[in-house]
Amino acid sequence: MEKYTVGIAEAKRALSEIVNRVLYRGERIILQSRGRSKAALISIEDLRKLERLEQRETQGITQQLAVLGRARTLRETMPVEAAGTAVAELERLREERVDGLSDLC
Protein backbone atom coordinates (compact mmCIF):
# COMPACT_ATOMS: atom_id res chain seq x y z
CA MET A 1 0.00 0.00 0.00
CA GLU A 2 1.24 3.41 -0.91
CA LYS A 3 1.31 6.10 1.78
CA TYR A 4 1.30 9.79 0.97
CA THR A 5 1.43 12.88 3.13
CA VAL A 6 -0.83 15.85 2.42
CA GLY A 7 -1.20 19.12 4.26
CA ILE A 8 -4.63 19.74 5.76
CA ALA A 9 -5.05 22.99 3.81
CA GLU A 10 -4.31 21.14 0.55
CA ALA A 11 -6.68 18.34 1.59
CA LYS A 12 -9.48 20.90 2.03
CA ARG A 13 -8.94 22.16 -1.50
CA ALA A 14 -8.71 18.70 -3.07
CA LEU A 15 -10.88 16.56 -0.80
CA SER A 16 -12.77 14.86 -3.62
CA GLU A 17 -9.55 13.94 -5.42
CA ILE A 18 -7.95 12.64 -2.22
CA VAL A 19 -10.99 10.52 -1.34
CA ASN A 20 -10.91 9.04 -4.85
CA ARG A 21 -7.21 8.19 -4.46
CA VAL A 22 -8.04 6.34 -1.25
CA LEU A 23 -11.06 4.62 -2.76
CA TYR A 24 -9.81 3.65 -6.21
CA ARG A 25 -6.04 3.37 -5.76
CA GLY A 26 -6.02 2.04 -2.21
CA GLU A 27 -3.70 4.83 -1.10
CA ARG A 28 -3.37 5.76 2.55
CA ILE A 29 -3.19 9.50 3.05
CA ILE A 30 -1.58 11.02 6.13
CA LEU A 31 -2.88 14.50 6.93
CA GLN A 32 -0.33 16.91 8.34
CA SER A 33 -0.52 20.32 9.93
CA ARG A 34 2.60 22.34 10.59
CA GLY A 35 4.76 19.35 9.77
CA ARG A 36 3.05 17.03 12.26
CA SER A 37 0.89 14.05 11.35
CA LYS A 38 -2.63 14.60 12.66
CA ALA A 39 -4.85 11.95 11.05
CA ALA A 40 -5.10 9.50 8.18
CA LEU A 41 -7.57 8.73 5.44
CA ILE A 42 -7.91 5.02 4.71
CA SER A 43 -10.37 2.93 2.74
CA ILE A 44 -13.42 1.38 4.34
CA GLU A 45 -11.81 -2.01 3.66
CA ASP A 46 -8.74 -1.01 5.69
CA LEU A 47 -10.96 0.33 8.47
CA ARG A 48 -12.87 -2.96 8.66
CA LYS A 49 -9.58 -4.90 8.83
CA LEU A 50 -8.43 -2.66 11.67
CA GLU A 51 -11.72 -3.14 13.50
CA ARG A 52 -11.46 -6.94 13.14
CA LEU A 53 -7.92 -6.86 14.54
CA GLU A 54 -9.06 -4.75 17.49
CA GLN A 55 -11.96 -7.13 18.13
CA ARG A 56 -9.64 -10.18 18.08
CA GLU A 57 -7.27 -8.42 20.46
CA THR A 58 -10.11 -7.57 22.84
CA GLN A 59 -11.42 -11.14 22.70
CA GLY A 60 -7.93 -12.49 23.38
CA ILE A 61 -7.54 -10.27 26.43
CA THR A 62 -10.99 -11.26 27.68
CA GLN A 63 -10.13 -14.95 27.29
CA GLN A 64 -6.82 -14.49 29.11
CA LEU A 65 -8.55 -12.71 31.99
CA ALA A 66 -11.11 -15.51 32.23
CA VAL A 67 -8.38 -18.16 32.34
CA LEU A 68 -6.50 -16.21 35.01
CA GLY A 69 -9.69 -15.89 37.04
CA ARG A 70 -10.33 -19.64 36.83
CA ALA A 71 -6.72 -20.34 37.81
CA ARG A 72 -6.99 -18.01 40.80
CA THR A 73 -10.22 -19.69 41.93
CA LEU A 74 -8.68 -23.12 41.52
CA ARG A 75 -5.59 -22.10 43.48
CA GLU A 76 -7.68 -20.66 46.31
CA THR A 77 -9.81 -23.80 46.62
CA MET A 78 -7.00 -26.40 46.42
CA PRO A 79 -5.34 -28.01 49.40
CA VAL A 80 -1.86 -26.58 49.99
CA GLU A 81 0.04 -29.72 48.87
CA ALA A 82 -1.96 -30.00 45.63
CA ALA A 83 -1.48 -26.30 44.96
CA GLY A 84 2.32 -26.73 44.85
CA THR A 85 1.96 -29.40 42.17
CA ALA A 86 -0.49 -27.26 40.21
CA VAL A 87 1.82 -24.24 40.35
CA ALA A 88 4.70 -26.34 39.04
CA GLU A 89 2.49 -27.60 36.20
CA LEU A 90 1.38 -24.08 35.35
CA GLU A 91 5.02 -22.95 35.23
CA ARG A 92 5.85 -25.82 32.87
CA LEU A 93 2.92 -24.90 30.60
CA ARG A 94 3.93 -21.23 30.68
CA GLU A 95 7.48 -22.11 29.61
CA GLU A 96 6.18 -24.27 26.76
CA ARG A 97 4.00 -21.38 25.56
CA VAL A 98 6.89 -18.91 25.69
CA ASP A 99 9.18 -21.34 23.86
CA GLY A 100 6.49 -21.87 21.21
CA LEU A 101 6.05 -18.14 20.74
CA SER A 102 9.78 -17.54 20.41
CA ASP A 103 9.92 -20.21 17.68
CA LEU A 104 7.39 -18.16 15.69
CA CYS A 105 9.52 -14.99 15.81
PDB file of N, CA and C in Angstrom:
ATOM      1  N   MET A   1       0.837  -1.183   0.000  1.00  0.00           N
ATOM      2  CA  MET A   1       0.000   0.000   0.000  1.00  0.00           C
ATOM      3  C   MET A   1       0.880   1.245   0.000  1.00  0.00           C
ATOM      4  N   GLU A   2       0.508   2.146  -0.828  1.00  0.00           N
ATOM      5  CA  GLU A   2       1.236   3.408  -0.905  1.00  0.00           C
ATOM      6  C   GLU A   2       0.729   4.370   0.162  1.00  0.00           C
ATOM      7  N   LYS A   3       1.663   5.072   0.801  1.00  0.00           N
ATOM      8  CA  LYS A   3       1.308   6.104   1.779  1.00  0.00           C
ATOM      9  C   LYS A   3       1.799   7.444   1.259  1.00  0.00           C
ATOM     10  N   TYR A   4       0.946   8.444   1.388  1.00  0.00           N
ATOM     11  CA  TYR A   4       1.304   9.787   0.972  1.00  0.00           C
ATOM     12  C   TYR A   4       0.958  10.755   2.093  1.00  0.00           C
ATOM     13  N   THR A   5       1.680  11.849   2.134  1.00  0.00           N
ATOM     14  CA  THR A   5       1.431  12.884   3.127  1.00  0.00           C
ATOM     15  C   THR A   5       0.879  14.111   2.419  1.00  0.00           C
ATOM     16  N   VAL A   6      -0.182  14.667   2.996  1.00  0.00           N
ATOM     17  CA  VAL A   6      -0.833  15.846   2.416  1.00  0.00           C
ATOM     18  C   VAL A   6      -1.111  16.824   3.548  1.00  0.00           C
ATOM     19  N   GLY A   7      -0.865  18.092   3.292  1.00  0.00           N
ATOM     20  CA  GLY A   7      -1.204  19.119   4.265  1.00  0.00           C
ATOM     21  C   GLY A   7      -2.717  19.265   4.374  1.00  0.00           C
ATOM     22  N   ILE A   8      -3.190  19.612   5.549  1.00  0.00           N
ATOM     23  CA  ILE A   8      -4.635  19.736   5.759  1.00  0.00           C
ATOM     24  C   ILE A   8      -5.232  20.821   4.860  1.00  0.00           C
ATOM     25  N   ALA A   9      -4.537  21.922   4.685  1.00  0.00           N
ATOM     26  CA  ALA A   9      -5.048  22.992   3.809  1.00  0.00           C
ATOM     27  C   ALA A   9      -5.210  22.468   2.379  1.00  0.00           C
ATOM     28  N   GLU A  10      -4.219  21.724   1.898  1.00  0.00           N
ATOM     29  CA  GLU A  10      -4.314  21.144   0.553  1.00  0.00           C
ATOM     30  C   GLU A  10      -5.452  20.131   0.491  1.00  0.00           C
ATOM     31  N   ALA A  11      -5.622  19.344   1.555  1.00  0.00           N
ATOM     32  CA  ALA A  11      -6.684  18.343   1.594  1.00  0.00           C
ATOM     33  C   ALA A  11      -8.058  19.010   1.494  1.00  0.00           C
ATOM     34  N   LYS A  12      -8.204  20.167   2.116  1.00  0.00           N
ATOM     35  CA  LYS A  12      -9.478  20.896   2.028  1.00  0.00           C
ATOM     36  C   LYS A  12      -9.783  21.272   0.579  1.00  0.00           C
ATOM     37  N   ARG A  13      -8.745  21.731  -0.118  1.00  0.00           N
ATOM     38  CA  ARG A  13      -8.940  22.162  -1.504  1.00  0.00           C
ATOM     39  C   ARG A  13      -9.208  20.987  -2.446  1.00  0.00           C
ATOM     40  N   ALA A  14      -8.638  19.837  -2.141  1.00  0.00           N
ATOM     41  CA  ALA A  14      -8.710  18.698  -3.070  1.00  0.00           C
ATOM     42  C   ALA A  14      -9.338  17.466  -2.425  1.00  0.00           C
ATOM     43  N   LEU A  15     -10.302  17.680  -1.558  1.00  0.00           N
ATOM     44  CA  LEU A  15     -10.882  16.563  -0.802  1.00  0.00           C
ATOM     45  C   LEU A  15     -11.435  15.473  -1.713  1.00  0.00           C
ATOM     46  N   SER A  16     -12.172  15.843  -2.716  1.00  0.00           N
ATOM     47  CA  SER A  16     -12.770  14.860  -3.623  1.00  0.00           C
ATOM     48  C   SER A  16     -11.689  14.010  -4.291  1.00  0.00           C
ATOM     49  N   GLU A  17     -10.645  14.659  -4.777  1.00  0.00           N
ATOM     50  CA  GLU A  17      -9.546  13.938  -5.424  1.00  0.00           C
ATOM     51  C   GLU A  17      -8.859  12.991  -4.435  1.00  0.00           C
ATOM     52  N   ILE A  18      -8.631  13.451  -3.226  1.00  0.00           N
ATOM     53  CA  ILE A  18      -7.948  12.641  -2.219  1.00  0.00           C
ATOM     54  C   ILE A  18      -8.798  11.425  -1.837  1.00  0.00           C
ATOM     55  N   VAL A  19     -10.092  11.642  -1.663  1.00  0.00           N
ATOM     56  CA  VAL A  19     -10.988  10.519  -1.342  1.00  0.00           C
ATOM     57  C   VAL A  19     -10.964   9.500  -2.474  1.00  0.00           C
ATOM     58  N   ASN A  20     -10.964   9.957  -3.710  1.00  0.00           N
ATOM     59  CA  ASN A  20     -10.910   9.039  -4.852  1.00  0.00           C
ATOM     60  C   ASN A  20      -9.589   8.267  -4.879  1.00  0.00           C
ATOM     61  N   ARG A  21      -8.503   8.905  -4.525  1.00  0.00           N
ATOM     62  CA  ARG A  21      -7.212   8.194  -4.462  1.00  0.00           C
ATOM     63  C   ARG A  21      -7.269   7.075  -3.437  1.00  0.00           C
ATOM     64  N   VAL A  22      -7.894   7.358  -2.293  1.00  0.00           N
ATOM     65  CA  VAL A  22      -8.035   6.338  -1.246  1.00  0.00           C
ATOM     66  C   VAL A  22      -8.951   5.216  -1.742  1.00  0.00           C
ATOM     67  N   LEU A  23     -10.063   5.591  -2.330  1.00  0.00           N
ATOM     68  CA  LEU A  23     -11.064   4.622  -2.764  1.00  0.00           C
ATOM     69  C   LEU A  23     -10.584   3.759  -3.925  1.00  0.00           C
ATOM     70  N   TYR A  24     -10.094   4.385  -4.981  1.00  0.00           N
ATOM     71  CA  TYR A  24      -9.810   3.653  -6.209  1.00  0.00           C
ATOM     72  C   TYR A  24      -8.378   3.135  -6.313  1.00  0.00           C
ATOM     73  N   ARG A  25      -7.443   3.800  -5.691  1.00  0.00           N
ATOM     74  CA  ARG A  25      -6.040   3.368  -5.764  1.00  0.00           C
ATOM     75  C   ARG A  25      -5.573   2.657  -4.503  1.00  0.00           C
ATOM     76  N   GLY A  26      -6.392   2.698  -3.468  1.00  0.00           N
ATOM     77  CA  GLY A  26      -6.017   2.042  -2.212  1.00  0.00           C
ATOM     78  C   GLY A  26      -4.925   2.786  -1.461  1.00  0.00           C
ATOM     79  N   GLU A  27      -4.731   4.058  -1.770  1.00  0.00           N
ATOM     80  CA  GLU A  27      -3.697   4.829  -1.095  1.00  0.00           C
ATOM     81  C   GLU A  27      -4.117   5.132   0.339  1.00  0.00           C
ATOM     82  N   ARG A  28      -3.143   5.316   1.174  1.00  0.00           N
ATOM     83  CA  ARG A  28      -3.368   5.764   2.552  1.00  0.00           C
ATOM     84  C   ARG A  28      -2.774   7.160   2.644  1.00  0.00           C
ATOM     85  N   ILE A  29      -3.596   8.098   3.050  1.00  0.00           N
ATOM     86  CA  ILE A  29      -3.191   9.496   3.054  1.00  0.00           C
ATOM     87  C   ILE A  29      -3.033   9.968   4.497  1.00  0.00           C
ATOM     88  N   ILE A  30      -1.853  10.464   4.808  1.00  0.00           N
ATOM     89  CA  ILE A  30      -1.578  11.023   6.131  1.00  0.00           C
ATOM     90  C   ILE A  30      -1.766  12.532   6.050  1.00  0.00           C
ATOM     91  N   LEU A  31      -2.620  13.056   6.910  1.00  0.00           N
ATOM     92  CA  LEU A  31      -2.878  14.497   6.932  1.00  0.00           C
ATOM     93  C   LEU A  31      -1.959  15.156   7.945  1.00  0.00           C
ATOM     94  N   GLN A  32      -1.277  16.208   7.484  1.00  0.00           N
ATOM     95  CA  GLN A  32      -0.331  16.913   8.345  1.00  0.00           C
ATOM     96  C   GLN A  32      -0.734  18.374   8.503  1.00  0.00           C
ATOM     97  N   SER A  33      -0.354  18.893   9.657  1.00  0.00           N
ATOM     98  CA  SER A  33      -0.516  20.315   9.927  1.00  0.00           C
ATOM     99  C   SER A  33       0.744  20.790  10.619  1.00  0.00           C
ATOM    100  N   ARG A  34       1.347  21.806  10.045  1.00  0.00           N
ATOM    101  CA  ARG A  34       2.600  22.344  10.593  1.00  0.00           C
ATOM    102  C   ARG A  34       3.672  21.271  10.761  1.00  0.00           C
ATOM    103  N   GLY A  35       3.725  20.370   9.774  1.00  0.00           N
ATOM    104  CA  GLY A  35       4.760  19.351   9.765  1.00  0.00           C
ATOM    105  C   GLY A  35       4.504  18.167  10.690  1.00  0.00           C
ATOM    106  N   ARG A  36       3.365  18.130  11.338  1.00  0.00           N
ATOM    107  CA  ARG A  36       3.053  17.034  12.263  1.00  0.00           C
ATOM    108  C   ARG A  36       1.866  16.236  11.743  1.00  0.00           C
ATOM    109  N   SER A  37       1.994  14.917  11.773  1.00  0.00           N
ATOM    110  CA  SER A  37       0.894  14.053  11.353  1.00  0.00           C
ATOM    111  C   SER A  37      -0.250  14.180  12.347  1.00  0.00           C
ATOM    112  N   LYS A  38      -1.459  14.384  11.812  1.00  0.00           N
ATOM    113  CA  LYS A  38      -2.627  14.605  12.663  1.00  0.00           C
ATOM    114  C   LYS A  38      -3.663  13.500  12.517  1.00  0.00           C
ATOM    115  N   ALA A  39      -3.823  12.962  11.302  1.00  0.00           N
ATOM    116  CA  ALA A  39      -4.850  11.954  11.047  1.00  0.00           C
ATOM    117  C   ALA A  39      -4.500  11.233   9.757  1.00  0.00           C
ATOM    118  N   ALA A  40      -5.323  10.238   9.426  1.00  0.00           N
ATOM    119  CA  ALA A  40      -5.097   9.501   8.183  1.00  0.00           C
ATOM    120  C   ALA A  40      -6.426   9.195   7.525  1.00  0.00           C
ATOM    121  N   LEU A  41      -6.415   9.166   6.214  1.00  0.00           N
ATOM    122  CA  LEU A  41      -7.566   8.725   5.441  1.00  0.00           C
ATOM    123  C   LEU A  41      -7.228   7.351   4.883  1.00  0.00           C
ATOM    124  N   ILE A  42      -8.103   6.385   5.194  1.00  0.00           N
ATOM    125  CA  ILE A  42      -7.913   5.024   4.709  1.00  0.00           C
ATOM    126  C   ILE A  42      -9.227   4.544   4.106  1.00  0.00           C
ATOM    127  N   SER A  43      -9.158   3.473   3.348  1.00  0.00           N
ATOM    128  CA  SER A  43     -10.367   2.935   2.737  1.00  0.00           C
ATOM    129  C   SER A  43     -11.237   2.261   3.798  1.00  0.00           C
ATOM    130  N   ILE A  44     -12.497   2.088   3.454  1.00  0.00           N
ATOM    131  CA  ILE A  44     -13.421   1.380   4.339  1.00  0.00           C
ATOM    132  C   ILE A  44     -12.914  -0.049   4.564  1.00  0.00           C
ATOM    133  N   GLU A  45     -12.370  -0.653   3.536  1.00  0.00           N
ATOM    134  CA  GLU A  45     -11.811  -2.009   3.661  1.00  0.00           C
ATOM    135  C   GLU A  45     -10.705  -2.049   4.720  1.00  0.00           C
ATOM    136  N   ASP A  46      -9.804  -1.073   4.684  1.00  0.00           N
ATOM    137  CA  ASP A  46      -8.736  -1.015   5.689  1.00  0.00           C
ATOM    138  C   ASP A  46      -9.306  -0.779   7.088  1.00  0.00           C
ATOM    139  N   LEU A  47     -10.327   0.069   7.171  1.00  0.00           N
ATOM    140  CA  LEU A  47     -10.960   0.328   8.465  1.00  0.00           C
ATOM    141  C   LEU A  47     -11.572  -0.946   9.022  1.00  0.00           C
ATOM    142  N   ARG A  48     -12.249  -1.705   8.193  1.00  0.00           N
ATOM    143  CA  ARG A  48     -12.869  -2.958   8.655  1.00  0.00           C
ATOM    144  C   ARG A  48     -11.813  -3.954   9.115  1.00  0.00           C
ATOM    145  N   LYS A  49     -10.685  -4.017   8.408  1.00  0.00           N
ATOM    146  CA  LYS A  49      -9.584  -4.897   8.830  1.00  0.00           C
ATOM    147  C   LYS A  49      -9.071  -4.481  10.209  1.00  0.00           C
ATOM    148  N   LEU A  50      -8.902  -3.184  10.386  1.00  0.00           N
ATOM    149  CA  LEU A  50      -8.432  -2.660  11.673  1.00  0.00           C
ATOM    150  C   LEU A  50      -9.423  -2.990  12.780  1.00  0.00           C
ATOM    151  N   GLU A  51     -10.701  -2.832  12.500  1.00  0.00           N
ATOM    152  CA  GLU A  51     -11.718  -3.143  13.505  1.00  0.00           C
ATOM    153  C   GLU A  51     -11.726  -4.625  13.860  1.00  0.00           C
ATOM    154  N   ARG A  52     -11.530  -5.488  12.859  1.00  0.00           N
ATOM    155  CA  ARG A  52     -11.464  -6.935  13.142  1.00  0.00           C
ATOM    156  C   ARG A  52     -10.260  -7.262  14.014  1.00  0.00           C
ATOM    157  N   LEU A  53      -9.118  -6.643  13.722  1.00  0.00           N
ATOM    158  CA  LEU A  53      -7.924  -6.864  14.543  1.00  0.00           C
ATOM    159  C   LEU A  53      -8.152  -6.411  15.982  1.00  0.00           C
ATOM    160  N   GLU A  54      -8.770  -5.250  16.144  1.00  0.00           N
ATOM    161  CA  GLU A  54      -9.060  -4.753  17.486  1.00  0.00           C
ATOM    162  C   GLU A  54     -10.008  -5.688  18.224  1.00  0.00           C
ATOM    163  N   GLN A  55     -11.004  -6.213  17.512  1.00  0.00           N
ATOM    164  CA  GLN A  55     -11.957  -7.134  18.126  1.00  0.00           C
ATOM    165  C   GLN A  55     -11.257  -8.414  18.569  1.00  0.00           C
ATOM    166  N   ARG A  56     -10.390  -8.966  17.712  1.00  0.00           N
ATOM    167  CA  ARG A  56      -9.638 -10.176  18.084  1.00  0.00           C
ATOM    168  C   ARG A  56      -8.766  -9.923  19.301  1.00  0.00           C
ATOM    169  N   GLU A  57      -8.125  -8.763  19.327  1.00  0.00           N
ATOM    170  CA  GLU A  57      -7.267  -8.424  20.455  1.00  0.00           C
ATOM    171  C   GLU A  57      -8.081  -8.346  21.743  1.00  0.00           C
ATOM    172  N   THR A  58      -9.234  -7.695  21.665  1.00  0.00           N
ATOM    173  CA  THR A  58     -10.107  -7.573  22.837  1.00  0.00           C
ATOM    174  C   THR A  58     -10.585  -8.947  23.290  1.00  0.00           C
ATOM    175  N   GLN A  59     -10.970  -9.795  22.348  1.00  0.00           N
ATOM    176  CA  GLN A  59     -11.423 -11.141  22.696  1.00  0.00           C
ATOM    177  C   GLN A  59     -10.297 -11.939  23.343  1.00  0.00           C
ATOM    178  N   GLY A  60      -9.077 -11.788  22.814  1.00  0.00           N
ATOM    179  CA  GLY A  60      -7.929 -12.495  23.379  1.00  0.00           C
ATOM    180  C   GLY A  60      -7.665 -12.068  24.813  1.00  0.00           C
ATOM    181  N   ILE A  61      -7.756 -10.775  25.075  1.00  0.00           N
ATOM    182  CA  ILE A  61      -7.539 -10.268  26.435  1.00  0.00           C
ATOM    183  C   ILE A  61      -8.639 -10.777  27.358  1.00  0.00           C
ATOM    184  N   THR A  62      -9.871 -10.770  26.882  1.00  0.00           N
ATOM    185  CA  THR A  62     -10.994 -11.256  27.685  1.00  0.00           C
ATOM    186  C   THR A  62     -10.807 -12.729  28.024  1.00  0.00           C
ATOM    187  N   GLN A  63     -10.367 -13.519  27.053  1.00  0.00           N
ATOM    188  CA  GLN A  63     -10.133 -14.947  27.290  1.00  0.00           C
ATOM    189  C   GLN A  63      -9.003 -15.143  28.301  1.00  0.00           C
ATOM    190  N   GLN A  64      -7.936 -14.370  28.169  1.00  0.00           N
ATOM    191  CA  GLN A  64      -6.821 -14.485  29.106  1.00  0.00           C
ATOM    192  C   GLN A  64      -7.266 -14.144  30.523  1.00  0.00           C
ATOM    193  N   LEU A  65      -8.059 -13.092  30.669  1.00  0.00           N
ATOM    194  CA  LEU A  65      -8.548 -12.712  31.995  1.00  0.00           C
ATOM    195  C   LEU A  65      -9.443 -13.799  32.585  1.00  0.00           C
ATOM    196  N   ALA A  66     -10.248 -14.428  31.746  1.00  0.00           N
ATOM    197  CA  ALA A  66     -11.115 -15.510  32.227  1.00  0.00           C
ATOM    198  C   ALA A  66     -10.284 -16.696  32.703  1.00  0.00           C
ATOM    199  N   VAL A  67      -9.255 -17.045  31.953  1.00  0.00           N
ATOM    200  CA  VAL A  67      -8.376 -18.156  32.340  1.00  0.00           C
ATOM    201  C   VAL A  67      -7.663 -17.828  33.647  1.00  0.00           C
ATOM    202  N   LEU A  68      -7.173 -16.610  33.770  1.00  0.00           N
ATOM    203  CA  LEU A  68      -6.499 -16.212  35.007  1.00  0.00           C
ATOM    204  C   LEU A  68      -7.463 -16.259  36.198  1.00  0.00           C
ATOM    205  N   GLY A  69      -8.697 -15.844  35.980  1.00  0.00           N
ATOM    206  CA  GLY A  69      -9.693 -15.894  37.042  1.00  0.00           C
ATOM    207  C   GLY A  69      -9.983 -17.321  37.477  1.00  0.00           C
ATOM    208  N   ARG A  70     -10.105 -18.224  36.501  1.00  0.00           N
ATOM    209  CA  ARG A  70     -10.330 -19.640  36.834  1.00  0.00           C
ATOM    210  C   ARG A  70      -9.127 -20.218  37.573  1.00  0.00           C
ATOM    211  N   ALA A  71      -7.928 -19.855  37.142  1.00  0.00           N
ATOM    212  CA  ALA A  71      -6.717 -20.344  37.806  1.00  0.00           C
ATOM    213  C   ALA A  71      -6.653 -19.839  39.247  1.00  0.00           C
ATOM    214  N   ARG A  72      -6.997 -18.580  39.447  1.00  0.00           N
ATOM    215  CA  ARG A  72      -6.989 -18.013  40.802  1.00  0.00           C
ATOM    216  C   ARG A  72      -8.000 -18.744  41.696  1.00  0.00           C
ATOM    217  N   THR A  73      -9.193 -18.975  41.169  1.00  0.00           N
ATOM    218  CA  THR A  73     -10.224 -19.690  41.933  1.00  0.00           C
ATOM    219  C   THR A  73      -9.766 -21.098  42.275  1.00  0.00           C
ATOM    220  N   LEU A  74      -9.174 -21.763  41.295  1.00  0.00           N
ATOM    221  CA  LEU A  74      -8.675 -23.117  41.523  1.00  0.00           C
ATOM    222  C   LEU A  74      -7.596 -23.123  42.598  1.00  0.00           C
ATOM    223  N   ARG A  75      -6.665 -22.170  42.503  1.00  0.00           N
ATOM    224  CA  ARG A  75      -5.585 -22.095  43.483  1.00  0.00           C
ATOM    225  C   ARG A  75      -6.132 -21.852  44.889  1.00  0.00           C
ATOM    226  N   GLU A  76      -7.126 -20.999  45.000  1.00  0.00           N
ATOM    227  CA  GLU A  76      -7.682 -20.660  46.311  1.00  0.00           C
ATOM    228  C   GLU A  76      -8.471 -21.807  46.930  1.00  0.00           C
ATOM    229  N   THR A  77      -8.998 -22.707  46.101  1.00  0.00           N
ATOM    230  CA  THR A  77      -9.812 -23.804  46.624  1.00  0.00           C
ATOM    231  C   THR A  77      -9.042 -25.107  46.790  1.00  0.00           C
ATOM    232  N   MET A  78      -7.807 -25.173  46.323  1.00  0.00           N
ATOM    233  CA  MET A  78      -7.000 -26.397  46.417  1.00  0.00           C
ATOM    234  C   MET A  78      -6.350 -26.542  47.779  1.00  0.00           C
ATOM    235  N   PRO A  79      -6.170 -27.794  48.203  1.00  0.00           N
ATOM    236  CA  PRO A  79      -5.343 -28.010  49.396  1.00  0.00           C
ATOM    237  C   PRO A  79      -3.915 -27.539  49.110  1.00  0.00           C
ATOM    238  N   VAL A  80      -3.199 -27.151  50.136  1.00  0.00           N
ATOM    239  CA  VAL A  80      -1.856 -26.581  49.986  1.00  0.00           C
ATOM    240  C   VAL A  80      -0.923 -27.518  49.229  1.00  0.00           C
ATOM    241  N   GLU A  81      -0.901 -28.814  49.542  1.00  0.00           N
ATOM    242  CA  GLU A  81       0.039 -29.725  48.871  1.00  0.00           C
ATOM    243  C   GLU A  81      -0.295 -29.891  47.391  1.00  0.00           C
ATOM    244  N   ALA A  82      -1.576 -29.898  47.042  1.00  0.00           N
ATOM    245  CA  ALA A  82      -1.956 -30.004  45.632  1.00  0.00           C
ATOM    246  C   ALA A  82      -1.644 -28.710  44.894  1.00  0.00           C
ATOM    247  N   ALA A  83      -1.743 -27.590  45.591  1.00  0.00           N
ATOM    248  CA  ALA A  83      -1.477 -26.296  44.965  1.00  0.00           C
ATOM    249  C   ALA A  83      -0.039 -26.211  44.480  1.00  0.00           C
ATOM    250  N   GLY A  84       0.908 -26.755  45.256  1.00  0.00           N
ATOM    251  CA  GLY A  84       2.316 -26.735  44.845  1.00  0.00           C
ATOM    252  C   GLY A  84       2.520 -27.480  43.544  1.00  0.00           C
ATOM    253  N   THR A  85       1.874 -28.622  43.398  1.00  0.00           N
ATOM    254  CA  THR A  85       1.963 -29.402  42.165  1.00  0.00           C
ATOM    255  C   THR A  85       1.331 -28.634  41.004  1.00  0.00           C
ATOM    256  N   ALA A  86       0.192 -28.020  41.265  1.00  0.00           N
ATOM    257  CA  ALA A  86      -0.495 -27.261  40.214  1.00  0.00           C
ATOM    258  C   ALA A  86       0.342 -26.072  39.765  1.00  0.00           C
ATOM    259  N   VAL A  87       0.972 -25.390  40.700  1.00  0.00           N
ATOM    260  CA  VAL A  87       1.816 -24.241  40.347  1.00  0.00           C
ATOM    261  C   VAL A  87       2.983 -24.694  39.483  1.00  0.00           C
ATOM    262  N   ALA A  88       3.584 -25.820  39.838  1.00  0.00           N
ATOM    263  CA  ALA A  88       4.697 -26.345  39.044  1.00  0.00           C
ATOM    264  C   ALA A  88       4.225 -26.685  37.626  1.00  0.00           C
ATOM    265  N   GLU A  89       3.043 -27.259  37.512  1.00  0.00           N
ATOM    266  CA  GLU A  89       2.492 -27.601  36.196  1.00  0.00           C
ATOM    267  C   GLU A  89       2.191 -26.350  35.385  1.00  0.00           C
ATOM    268  N   LEU A  90       1.643 -25.344  36.033  1.00  0.00           N
ATOM    269  CA  LEU A  90       1.382 -24.075  35.346  1.00  0.00           C
ATOM    270  C   LEU A  90       2.676 -23.441  34.854  1.00  0.00           C
ATOM    271  N   GLU A  91       3.717 -23.499  35.649  1.00  0.00           N
ATOM    272  CA  GLU A  91       5.016 -22.950  35.229  1.00  0.00           C
ATOM    273  C   GLU A  91       5.544 -23.696  34.006  1.00  0.00           C
ATOM    274  N   ARG A  92       5.399 -25.016  34.008  1.00  0.00           N
ATOM    275  CA  ARG A  92       5.846 -25.824  32.869  1.00  0.00           C
ATOM    276  C   ARG A  92       5.067 -25.426  31.610  1.00  0.00           C
ATOM    277  N   LEU A  93       3.749 -25.294  31.737  1.00  0.00           N
ATOM    278  CA  LEU A  93       2.923 -24.899  30.595  1.00  0.00           C
ATOM    279  C   LEU A  93       3.282 -23.502  30.103  1.00  0.00           C
ATOM    280  N   ARG A  94       3.549 -22.595  31.029  1.00  0.00           N
ATOM    281  CA  ARG A  94       3.933 -21.226  30.677  1.00  0.00           C
ATOM    282  C   ARG A  94       5.247 -21.231  29.884  1.00  0.00           C
ATOM    283  N   GLU A  95       6.205 -22.030  30.315  1.00  0.00           N
ATOM    284  CA  GLU A  95       7.483 -22.114  29.611  1.00  0.00           C
ATOM    285  C   GLU A  95       7.301 -22.678  28.207  1.00  0.00           C
ATOM    286  N   GLU A  96       6.450 -23.704  28.082  1.00  0.00           N
ATOM    287  CA  GLU A  96       6.176 -24.267  26.756  1.00  0.00           C
ATOM    288  C   GLU A  96       5.573 -23.212  25.834  1.00  0.00           C
ATOM    289  N   ARG A  97       4.637 -22.416  26.363  1.00  0.00           N
ATOM    290  CA  ARG A  97       3.998 -21.381  25.561  1.00  0.00           C
ATOM    291  C   ARG A  97       5.020 -20.344  25.111  1.00  0.00           C
ATOM    292  N   VAL A  98       5.871 -19.902  26.024  1.00  0.00           N
ATOM    293  CA  VAL A  98       6.886 -18.911  25.692  1.00  0.00           C
ATOM    294  C   VAL A  98       7.862 -19.464  24.669  1.00  0.00           C
ATOM    295  N   ASP A  99       8.275 -20.713  24.820  1.00  0.00           N
ATOM    296  CA  ASP A  99       9.178 -21.341  23.855  1.00  0.00           C
ATOM    297  C   ASP A  99       8.505 -21.424  22.487  1.00  0.00           C
ATOM    298  N   GLY A 100       7.225 -21.785  22.468  1.00  0.00           N
ATOM    299  CA  GLY A 100       6.491 -21.867  21.211  1.00  0.00           C
ATOM    300  C   GLY A 100       6.377 -20.537  20.523  1.00  0.00           C
ATOM    301  N   LEU A 101       6.154 -19.476  21.310  1.00  0.00           N
ATOM    302  CA  LEU A 101       6.050 -18.139  20.736  1.00  0.00           C
ATOM    303  C   LEU A 101       7.390 -17.670  20.195  1.00  0.00           C
ATOM    304  N   SER A 102       8.468 -17.982  20.896  1.00  0.00           N
ATOM    305  CA  SER A 102       9.776 -17.538  20.415  1.00  0.00           C
ATOM    306  C   SER A 102      10.167 -18.262  19.136  1.00  0.00           C
ATOM    307  N   ASP A 103       9.652 -19.485  18.937  1.00  0.00           N
ATOM    308  CA  ASP A 103       9.915 -20.206  17.680  1.00  0.00           C
ATOM    309  C   ASP A 103       9.243 -19.515  16.503  1.00  0.00           C
ATOM    310  N   LEU A 104       8.124 -18.832  16.762  1.00  0.00           N
ATOM    311  CA  LEU A 104       7.395 -18.156  15.692  1.00  0.00           C
ATOM    312  C   LEU A 104       8.092 -16.876  15.254  1.00  0.00           C
ATOM    313  N   CYS A 105       8.884 -16.283  16.130  1.00  0.00           N
ATOM    314  CA  CYS A 105       9.525 -14.995  15.812  1.00  0.00           C
ATOM    315  C   CYS A 105      10.723 -15.155  14.924  1.00  0.00           C
TER     316      CYS A 105
END
